[in-house]
Amino acid sequence: KWSFEELGSLSRKAANVLSEACGLQRGDRVLTVLPRVPEWWLLIVACMRAGIVFMPGTSQLTAKDISYRLQASKAKCIITNDTLAPAVESVLTDSQFLKSKLIVGQGSRDGWLNLKELL
């Protein structure tokens, strides 16, 4: 639970993470596959701050759904949590546009940036 002041501060930091650590620029697309967690809202505001297109996806998406969305949108970043990461990883080899992968939560995975650590 965050106050508006905390959300403002954290969203500035998250926008910097997306721009600097993930290498995203204004107009780039980010596919987010998360359940409704507070970070979902944080990332929406961060994307608006950085001019990045936020594409929400539910945690019910299948690997085929994720693959289609990545290809059709030419997303440069995907954000998910450690529970959903295996399904996401199974289709990442098909995506030639993807530059970075960001994980939300306490877990860590090889090749993924951790949002909490970067904030």
Protein backbone atom coordinates (compact mmCIF):
# COMPACT_ATOMS: atom_id res chain seq x y z
CA LYS A 1 0.00 0.00 0.00
CA TRP A 2 1.50 3.34 -1.08
CA SER A 3 0.53 6.95 -0.58
CA PHE A 4 0.32 9.22 -3.64
CA GLU A 5 3.66 10.72 -2.64
CA GLU A 6 5.28 7.27 -2.46
CA LEU A 7 3.73 6.27 -5.80
CA GLY A 8 5.11 9.44 -7.37
CA SER A 9 8.61 8.81 -6.06
CA LEU A 10 8.63 5.11 -6.89
CA SER A 11 7.20 5.70 -10.37
CA ARG A 12 10.05 8.11 -11.15
CA LYS A 13 12.54 5.46 -10.08
CA ALA A 14 10.71 2.77 -12.08
CA ALA A 15 10.67 5.04 -15.18
CA ASN A 16 14.45 5.36 -14.81
CA VAL A 17 14.76 1.57 -14.52
CA LEU A 18 12.78 1.13 -17.74
CA SER A 19 14.77 3.81 -19.57
CA GLU A 20 18.25 3.05 -18.28
CA ALA A 21 18.51 -0.56 -17.10
CA CYS A 22 16.08 -1.91 -19.72
CA GLY A 23 17.23 0.45 -22.47
CA LEU A 24 13.73 1.51 -23.49
CA GLN A 25 12.87 4.75 -25.26
CA ARG A 26 9.73 6.80 -25.80
CA GLY A 27 7.30 4.81 -27.96
CA ASP A 28 8.76 1.39 -27.15
CA ARG A 29 6.28 -1.27 -26.07
CA VAL A 30 6.30 -3.28 -22.84
CA LEU A 31 4.23 -6.44 -22.36
CA THR A 32 3.30 -6.93 -18.74
CA VAL A 33 2.01 -10.32 -17.61
CA LEU A 34 1.21 -9.89 -13.93
CA PRO A 35 -1.60 -10.56 -11.51
CA ARG A 36 -3.11 -7.48 -9.88
CA VAL A 37 -0.24 -6.56 -7.59
CA PRO A 38 0.75 -3.01 -6.53
CA GLU A 39 3.71 -3.07 -8.92
CA TRP A 40 1.23 -3.34 -11.82
CA TRP A 41 -0.02 0.15 -11.01
CA LEU A 42 3.50 1.41 -10.39
CA LEU A 43 4.59 0.23 -13.83
CA ILE A 44 1.61 1.87 -15.54
CA VAL A 45 2.53 5.25 -14.07
CA ALA A 46 6.24 4.68 -14.81
CA CYS A 47 5.46 3.91 -18.45
CA MET A 48 3.36 7.07 -18.75
CA ARG A 49 6.23 9.10 -17.28
CA ALA A 50 8.73 7.64 -19.75
CA GLY A 51 6.42 7.67 -22.79
CA ILE A 52 6.54 3.89 -23.03
CA VAL A 53 3.50 1.96 -24.28
CA PHE A 54 2.17 -0.29 -21.50
CA MET A 55 0.44 -3.44 -22.73
CA PRO A 56 -1.28 -5.30 -19.89
CA GLY A 57 -1.71 -9.05 -19.95
CA THR A 58 -3.44 -11.20 -17.37
CA SER A 59 -1.82 -14.06 -15.53
CA GLN A 60 -4.20 -16.38 -17.41
CA LEU A 61 -2.42 -15.93 -20.75
CA THR A 62 -1.04 -19.12 -22.25
CA ALA A 63 2.41 -19.41 -23.81
CA LYS A 64 0.77 -19.19 -27.25
CA ASP A 65 -1.03 -15.96 -26.23
CA ILE A 66 2.19 -14.42 -24.94
CA SER A 67 4.08 -15.38 -28.10
CA TYR A 68 1.40 -13.82 -30.30
CA ARG A 69 1.39 -10.58 -28.31
CA LEU A 70 5.18 -10.31 -28.38
CA GLN A 71 5.32 -10.81 -32.15
CA ALA A 72 2.35 -8.63 -33.07
CA SER A 73 3.42 -5.73 -30.86
CA LYS A 74 7.19 -5.98 -31.39
CA ALA A 75 7.56 -5.47 -27.64
CA LYS A 76 11.09 -4.66 -26.49
CA CYS A 77 10.55 -5.63 -22.85
CA ILE A 78 8.48 -8.16 -20.96
CA ILE A 79 7.62 -7.90 -17.29
CA THR A 80 6.29 -10.78 -15.22
CA ASN A 81 6.70 -12.40 -11.81
CA ASP A 82 8.70 -15.46 -10.79
CA THR A 83 5.61 -17.71 -10.89
CA LEU A 84 4.75 -16.86 -14.50
CA ALA A 85 8.34 -16.59 -15.78
CA PRO A 86 8.63 -20.26 -16.89
CA ALA A 87 5.65 -19.90 -19.25
CA VAL A 88 7.11 -16.66 -20.58
CA GLU A 89 10.59 -18.13 -21.05
CA SER A 90 9.19 -20.99 -23.12
CA VAL A 91 8.32 -18.56 -25.96
CA LEU A 92 11.10 -15.99 -25.74
CA THR A 93 13.26 -17.63 -28.41
CA ASP A 94 10.62 -16.65 -31.01
CA SER A 95 10.84 -12.94 -30.20
CA GLN A 96 13.54 -11.11 -32.16
CA PHE A 97 12.55 -7.64 -30.86
CA LEU A 98 12.86 -8.33 -27.12
CA LYS A 99 15.73 -6.42 -25.46
CA SER A 100 15.07 -6.94 -21.77
CA LYS A 101 13.18 -9.06 -19.27
CA LEU A 102 12.11 -7.68 -15.91
CA ILE A 103 10.88 -9.77 -13.01
CA VAL A 104 8.67 -8.47 -10.20
CA GLY A 105 9.06 -10.18 -6.84
CA GLN A 106 11.68 -11.59 -4.54
CA GLY A 107 12.90 -14.34 -6.85
CA SER A 108 15.71 -14.09 -9.35
CA ARG A 109 16.28 -15.86 -12.65
CA ASP A 110 19.23 -16.00 -15.01
CA GLY A 111 19.00 -13.33 -17.69
CA TRP A 112 16.25 -11.37 -15.91
CA LEU A 113 16.52 -7.99 -14.18
CA ASN A 114 14.81 -7.71 -10.79
CA LEU A 115 12.60 -4.63 -10.36
CA LYS A 116 12.87 -4.48 -6.57
CA GLU A 117 16.67 -4.64 -6.67
CA LEU A 118 16.85 -1.91 -9.32
CA LEU A 119 14.47 0.39 -7.45
